[in-house]
Amino acid sequence: MITRRLFLAGLFAAGAGAALQYARALEPSWLELQRHRLVLGSGGKPPLRLLQLGDLHYSADTSIEHIDEAITLGLAQAPDLIALVGDYISRRPPDAQRLVESLRRLSSSAPTFAVMGNHDGGQWVAQFGGYHDSAPMQDLLRQAGISILHNAATEFELGRHKLTLVGLGDTWAGECSPLRAFAKPMPEDAPVVVLSHNPDSKSLLRLQRWDLMLCGHTHGGQVVIPELGWAPFAPVEDRRYLAGVRPWGDRLICVTKGVGSGPALRFNCRPEVTMLEIA
């Protein structure tokens, strides 16, 4: 005889099974486009269109076809500038030259700048069979025509827009050096945009002058409990900065939920392509 308790337990098990199937088979490939409009400095200019991509995680969990789809969606927005915020692979690329070909589509369309993530090489991922430092991944990105900002800064100018771009090495990788990145005084007449894989790195930059930080790493939490907004697996200390644009004092931090997934599991947290319009 089926009791009420057994019946409810069966319903719960069926629902949990369906949710797991959705989270593994459907949502990781269901890309969305997120748009944000920001004002840096005085504003009053035609917006600069900045495409932000992160956490591609090319691997057995994230196919190159999915990455290509994200790049196609991003390039369809006609960006003026492209910022890549790390974790292009999970350990080592299944096909390095195929990844180069995909990423070259970005640099062929607009100036493209990149920083490294914890999966791209360094002390953290080396424990799991990844590169011992990020040099091999930097090499691949350069082959794709992408400019690397590894604890370095550069100035970018397009039309009436002038930005200083600062790129940090990853904190988990043991390659983050803010003193090197900010070695030169930042120009006072241009907003300073920091590219840093992990949003927790903001605490290392309290004394530096910057206006906007572009990050990834969190995957938006990857699994977010509906209604509660709780992301139990988010790999950051400060869980206020999991996704979207949030203030940090008088500065802004934009965290993309990322393109890929590692492992291939997302729930209530779709992968995203992020488009910023900066006035």
Protein backbone atom coordinates (compact mmCIF):
# COMPACT_ATOMS: atom_id res chain seq x y z
CA MET A 1 0.00 0.00 0.00
CA ILE A 2 1.31 3.46 -0.96
CA THR A 3 1.14 5.80 2.00
CA ARG A 4 0.90 9.57 1.76
CA ARG A 5 4.50 9.85 2.96
CA LEU A 6 5.76 7.49 0.24
CA PHE A 7 3.69 9.30 -2.39
CA LEU A 8 5.14 12.70 -1.42
CA ALA A 9 8.64 11.25 -1.27
CA GLY A 10 8.18 9.89 -4.79
CA LEU A 11 6.98 13.26 -6.05
CA PHE A 12 9.97 14.98 -4.46
CA ALA A 13 12.41 12.46 -5.98
CA ALA A 14 10.84 12.88 -9.43
CA GLY A 15 11.01 16.67 -9.15
CA ALA A 16 14.60 16.60 -7.99
CA GLY A 17 15.52 14.27 -10.85
CA ALA A 18 13.89 16.56 -13.41
CA ALA A 19 15.64 19.61 -11.92
CA LEU A 20 19.00 17.86 -12.06
CA GLN A 21 18.43 16.84 -15.67
CA TYR A 22 17.56 20.44 -16.56
CA ALA A 23 20.58 21.78 -14.67
CA ARG A 24 22.94 19.42 -16.46
CA ALA A 25 21.51 19.14 -19.97
CA LEU A 26 19.75 22.43 -20.69
CA GLU A 27 20.72 25.50 -18.69
CA PRO A 28 24.54 25.30 -19.19
CA SER A 29 24.03 25.89 -22.93
CA TRP A 30 21.20 28.47 -22.63
CA LEU A 31 23.07 31.73 -23.18
CA GLU A 32 21.62 35.11 -22.30
CA LEU A 33 22.70 38.64 -23.17
CA GLN A 34 23.05 41.01 -20.22
CA ARG A 35 23.19 44.77 -20.88
CA HIS A 36 24.34 47.46 -18.48
CA ARG A 37 24.61 51.20 -19.06
CA LEU A 38 27.22 52.99 -16.95
CA VAL A 39 28.34 56.59 -16.59
CA LEU A 40 32.02 57.11 -15.81
CA GLY A 41 33.34 60.60 -15.37
CA SER A 42 31.24 63.45 -16.69
CA GLY A 43 29.20 61.43 -19.20
CA GLY A 44 27.57 63.36 -22.02
CA LYS A 45 29.26 61.30 -24.75
CA PRO A 46 27.99 58.70 -27.19
CA PRO A 47 28.36 55.38 -25.36
CA LEU A 48 31.42 53.20 -25.76
CA ARG A 49 30.27 49.62 -26.37
CA LEU A 50 32.37 47.20 -24.31
CA LEU A 51 31.91 43.44 -24.60
CA GLN A 52 32.89 41.51 -21.46
CA LEU A 53 33.43 37.74 -21.67
CA GLY A 54 34.74 35.44 -18.99
CA ASP A 55 34.99 31.84 -17.83
CA LEU A 56 34.87 30.17 -21.24
CA HIS A 57 36.19 26.97 -19.61
CA TYR A 58 36.96 25.16 -22.86
CA SER A 59 36.98 21.52 -21.75
CA ALA A 60 34.94 18.33 -21.81
CA ASP A 61 32.25 20.29 -19.94
CA THR A 62 32.12 23.29 -22.32
CA SER A 63 32.38 22.71 -26.05
CA ILE A 64 34.07 24.98 -28.54
CA GLU A 65 30.71 25.22 -30.33
CA HIS A 66 29.17 26.77 -27.21
CA ILE A 67 32.07 29.22 -26.97
CA ASP A 68 31.63 30.09 -30.66
CA GLU A 69 27.94 30.74 -30.04
CA ALA A 70 28.80 33.16 -27.23
CA ILE A 71 31.36 34.95 -29.38
CA THR A 72 28.83 35.25 -32.22
CA LEU A 73 26.26 36.72 -29.83
CA GLY A 74 28.81 39.17 -28.45
CA LEU A 75 30.10 40.33 -31.83
CA ALA A 76 26.52 40.86 -33.03
CA GLN A 77 26.38 43.76 -30.54
CA ALA A 78 29.10 45.60 -32.54
CA PRO A 79 31.50 46.25 -29.62
CA ASP A 80 34.10 49.00 -29.77
CA LEU A 81 36.27 47.26 -27.18
CA ILE A 82 36.45 43.71 -25.80
CA ALA A 83 37.56 42.69 -22.29
CA LEU A 84 38.28 39.05 -21.45
CA VAL A 85 38.43 38.30 -17.73
CA GLY A 86 40.03 34.86 -17.49
CA ASP A 87 39.49 31.10 -17.24
CA TYR A 88 39.62 30.31 -20.95
CA ILE A 89 40.24 26.64 -20.12
CA SER A 90 39.62 24.35 -17.16
CA ARG A 91 43.01 22.62 -17.05
CA ARG A 92 44.50 22.29 -20.53
CA PRO A 93 42.74 23.01 -23.83
CA PRO A 94 41.42 19.93 -25.69
CA ASP A 95 42.46 21.57 -28.99
CA ALA A 96 44.64 24.65 -28.52
CA GLN A 97 44.59 25.80 -32.14
CA ARG A 98 40.81 25.51 -32.34
CA LEU A 99 40.57 27.79 -29.33
CA VAL A 100 42.98 30.24 -30.96
CA GLU A 101 40.79 30.32 -34.08
CA SER A 102 37.70 31.10 -32.02
CA LEU A 103 39.37 33.86 -30.00
CA ARG A 104 40.88 35.41 -33.13
CA ARG A 105 37.33 36.30 -34.19
CA LEU A 106 37.26 38.74 -31.27
CA SER A 107 40.56 40.49 -31.96
CA SER A 108 39.67 40.71 -35.67
CA SER A 109 36.54 42.67 -34.78
CA ALA A 110 37.68 45.10 -32.07
CA PRO A 111 40.68 45.83 -29.80
CA THR A 112 40.73 42.95 -27.31
CA PHE A 113 42.45 42.89 -23.91
CA ALA A 114 42.71 39.95 -21.53
CA VAL A 115 43.74 38.90 -18.05
CA MET A 116 44.32 35.42 -16.66
CA GLY A 117 42.15 33.37 -14.31
CA ASN A 118 42.92 30.71 -11.73
CA HIS A 119 42.33 27.91 -14.28
CA ASP A 120 44.73 29.38 -16.84
CA GLY A 121 47.86 28.44 -14.92
CA GLY A 122 49.48 28.94 -11.52
CA GLN A 123 49.75 27.40 -8.10
CA TRP A 124 46.05 26.54 -7.70
CA VAL A 125 45.31 24.70 -10.96
CA ALA A 126 48.75 23.03 -11.05
CA GLN A 127 47.50 20.79 -8.24
CA PHE A 128 44.90 19.39 -10.65
CA GLY A 129 47.03 18.89 -13.75
CA GLY A 130 46.90 22.43 -15.13
CA TYR A 131 49.76 24.67 -16.22
CA HIS A 132 52.25 25.70 -13.52
CA ASP A 133 51.99 29.31 -14.60
CA SER A 134 49.88 31.28 -17.05
CA ALA A 135 52.62 31.73 -19.69
CA PRO A 136 51.33 28.96 -22.04
CA MET A 137 47.82 30.43 -21.97
CA GLN A 138 49.13 33.94 -22.50
CA ASP A 139 50.99 32.58 -25.54
CA LEU A 140 47.78 31.15 -27.02
CA LEU A 141 45.95 34.44 -26.54
CA ARG A 142 48.76 36.35 -28.23
CA GLN A 143 48.53 33.94 -31.16
CA ALA A 144 44.88 35.00 -31.38
CA GLY A 145 45.91 38.65 -31.63
CA ILE A 146 44.79 39.52 -28.10
CA SER A 147 46.69 42.00 -25.91
CA ILE A 148 47.60 40.65 -22.46
CA LEU A 149 47.41 42.91 -19.43
CA HIS A 150 49.28 40.88 -16.83
CA ASN A 151 49.88 43.25 -13.91
CA ALA A 152 50.16 46.01 -16.47
CA ALA A 153 48.30 49.10 -17.67
CA THR A 154 47.64 50.72 -21.03
CA GLU A 155 45.67 53.65 -22.39
CA PHE A 156 42.84 53.16 -24.88
CA GLU A 157 41.31 55.93 -26.93
CA LEU A 158 38.39 55.79 -29.36
CA GLY A 159 36.59 58.88 -30.55
CA ARG A 160 35.75 61.01 -27.52
CA HIS A 161 36.43 58.15 -25.14
CA LYS A 162 39.71 57.73 -23.33
CA LEU A 163 40.21 54.94 -20.81
CA THR A 164 43.13 53.60 -18.81
CA LEU A 165 42.94 49.79 -18.69
CA VAL A 166 44.69 47.96 -15.85
CA GLY A 167 45.00 44.17 -15.79
CA LEU A 168 45.79 42.05 -12.71
CA GLY A 169 47.18 38.55 -12.47
CA ASP A 170 44.96 36.10 -10.61
CA THR A 171 45.01 35.91 -6.82
CA TRP A 172 44.48 32.11 -6.54
CA ALA A 173 47.20 31.56 -9.14
CA GLY A 174 49.64 33.54 -7.01
CA GLU A 175 50.26 35.95 -9.89
CA CYS A 176 48.50 39.10 -8.66
CA SER A 177 50.76 42.14 -8.28
CA PRO A 178 48.86 45.41 -7.80
CA LEU A 179 52.07 47.37 -7.28
CA ARG A 180 53.30 46.36 -10.73
CA ALA A 181 49.91 46.95 -12.32
CA PHE A 182 49.66 50.45 -10.85
CA ALA A 183 53.37 51.25 -11.05
CA LYS A 184 52.73 54.38 -13.12
CA PRO A 185 50.44 57.19 -11.93
CA MET A 186 47.00 56.92 -13.48
CA PRO A 187 46.06 59.86 -15.76
CA GLU A 188 43.56 62.16 -14.07
CA ASP A 189 41.64 62.89 -17.29
CA ALA A 190 40.50 59.32 -18.02
CA PRO A 191 38.41 56.73 -16.14
CA VAL A 192 40.41 53.74 -14.93
CA VAL A 193 38.95 50.32 -15.75
CA VAL A 194 40.47 47.29 -14.00
CA LEU A 195 40.30 43.78 -15.46
CA SER A 196 40.64 41.21 -12.68
CA HIS A 197 39.36 37.65 -12.75
CA ASN A 198 38.33 37.42 -9.11
CA PRO A 199 36.16 40.19 -7.57
CA ASP A 200 37.70 39.50 -4.15
CA SER A 201 40.85 41.16 -5.48
CA LYS A 202 39.16 44.53 -4.90
CA SER A 203 40.41 44.45 -1.30
CA LEU A 204 43.99 44.61 -2.64
CA LEU A 205 43.20 47.81 -4.52
CA ARG A 206 41.73 49.99 -1.79
CA LEU A 207 44.49 52.57 -2.09
CA GLN A 208 44.63 52.63 -5.88
CA ARG A 209 42.66 54.98 -8.13
CA TRP A 210 40.14 53.20 -10.31
CA ASP A 211 36.49 53.60 -11.32
CA LEU A 212 35.25 50.26 -12.65
CA MET A 213 36.37 46.67 -12.17
CA LEU A 214 35.41 43.91 -14.63
CA CYS A 215 35.47 40.39 -13.18
CA GLY A 216 34.34 36.80 -13.64
CA HIS A 217 35.24 33.71 -11.56
CA THR A 218 31.93 33.35 -9.72
CA HIS A 219 29.85 31.87 -12.57
CA GLY A 220 27.10 33.87 -10.85
CA GLY A 221 27.12 31.16 -8.19
CA GLN A 222 26.31 28.58 -10.88
CA VAL A 223 23.56 27.04 -8.72
CA VAL A 224 21.24 29.65 -7.20
CA ILE A 225 18.34 28.58 -4.98
CA PRO A 226 15.11 30.23 -6.27
CA GLU A 227 13.43 32.84 -4.05
CA LEU A 228 16.29 32.71 -1.53
CA GLY A 229 18.97 33.86 -3.98
CA TRP A 230 21.40 31.61 -2.11
CA ALA A 231 24.42 30.35 -4.07
CA PRO A 232 26.02 27.68 -1.85
CA PHE A 233 28.94 26.94 -4.19
CA ALA A 234 30.09 30.49 -4.99
CA PRO A 235 33.94 30.50 -4.84
CA VAL A 236 34.36 33.97 -3.31
CA GLU A 237 34.57 35.45 0.16
CA ASP A 238 32.40 38.49 -0.56
CA ARG A 239 29.11 37.10 -1.86
CA ARG A 240 27.69 40.54 -2.59
CA TYR A 241 29.57 40.42 -5.89
CA LEU A 242 28.34 37.32 -7.70
CA ALA A 243 26.77 38.84 -10.81
CA GLY A 244 25.79 42.14 -12.40
CA VAL A 245 26.91 45.67 -11.55
CA ARG A 246 27.28 46.58 -7.88
CA PRO A 247 28.77 49.63 -6.14
CA TRP A 248 31.81 49.37 -3.89
CA GLY A 249 31.96 52.74 -2.22
CA ASP A 250 32.13 55.26 -5.04
CA ARG A 251 33.38 52.64 -7.52
CA LEU A 252 31.59 50.00 -9.59
CA ILE A 253 32.22 46.28 -10.01
CA CYS A 254 30.73 44.30 -12.90
CA VAL A 255 30.81 40.51 -12.55
CA THR A 256 29.82 38.38 -15.52
CA LYS A 257 28.25 34.97 -14.88
CA GLY A 258 30.52 33.53 -17.55
CA VAL A 259 30.09 31.55 -20.73
CA GLY A 260 31.16 28.08 -19.67
CA SER A 261 30.56 25.79 -16.74
CA GLY A 262 32.85 23.53 -14.84
CA PRO A 263 31.35 21.09 -14.08
CA ALA A 264 28.48 21.28 -16.60
CA LEU A 265 25.84 22.21 -14.08
CA ARG A 266 23.82 25.42 -13.80
CA PHE A 267 20.52 26.11 -12.11
CA ASN A 268 18.70 29.45 -12.05
CA CYS A 269 21.95 31.01 -13.29
CA ARG A 270 22.23 31.00 -17.07
CA PRO A 271 25.60 31.54 -18.80
CA GLU A 272 25.94 35.05 -20.15
CA VAL A 273 27.49 37.44 -22.61
CA THR A 274 27.85 40.88 -21.02
CA MET A 275 27.51 44.14 -22.92
CA LEU A 276 28.39 47.44 -21.25
CA GLU A 277 27.52 50.84 -22.67
CA ILE A 278 29.85 53.36 -21.03
CA ALA A 279 28.94 57.02 -21.34
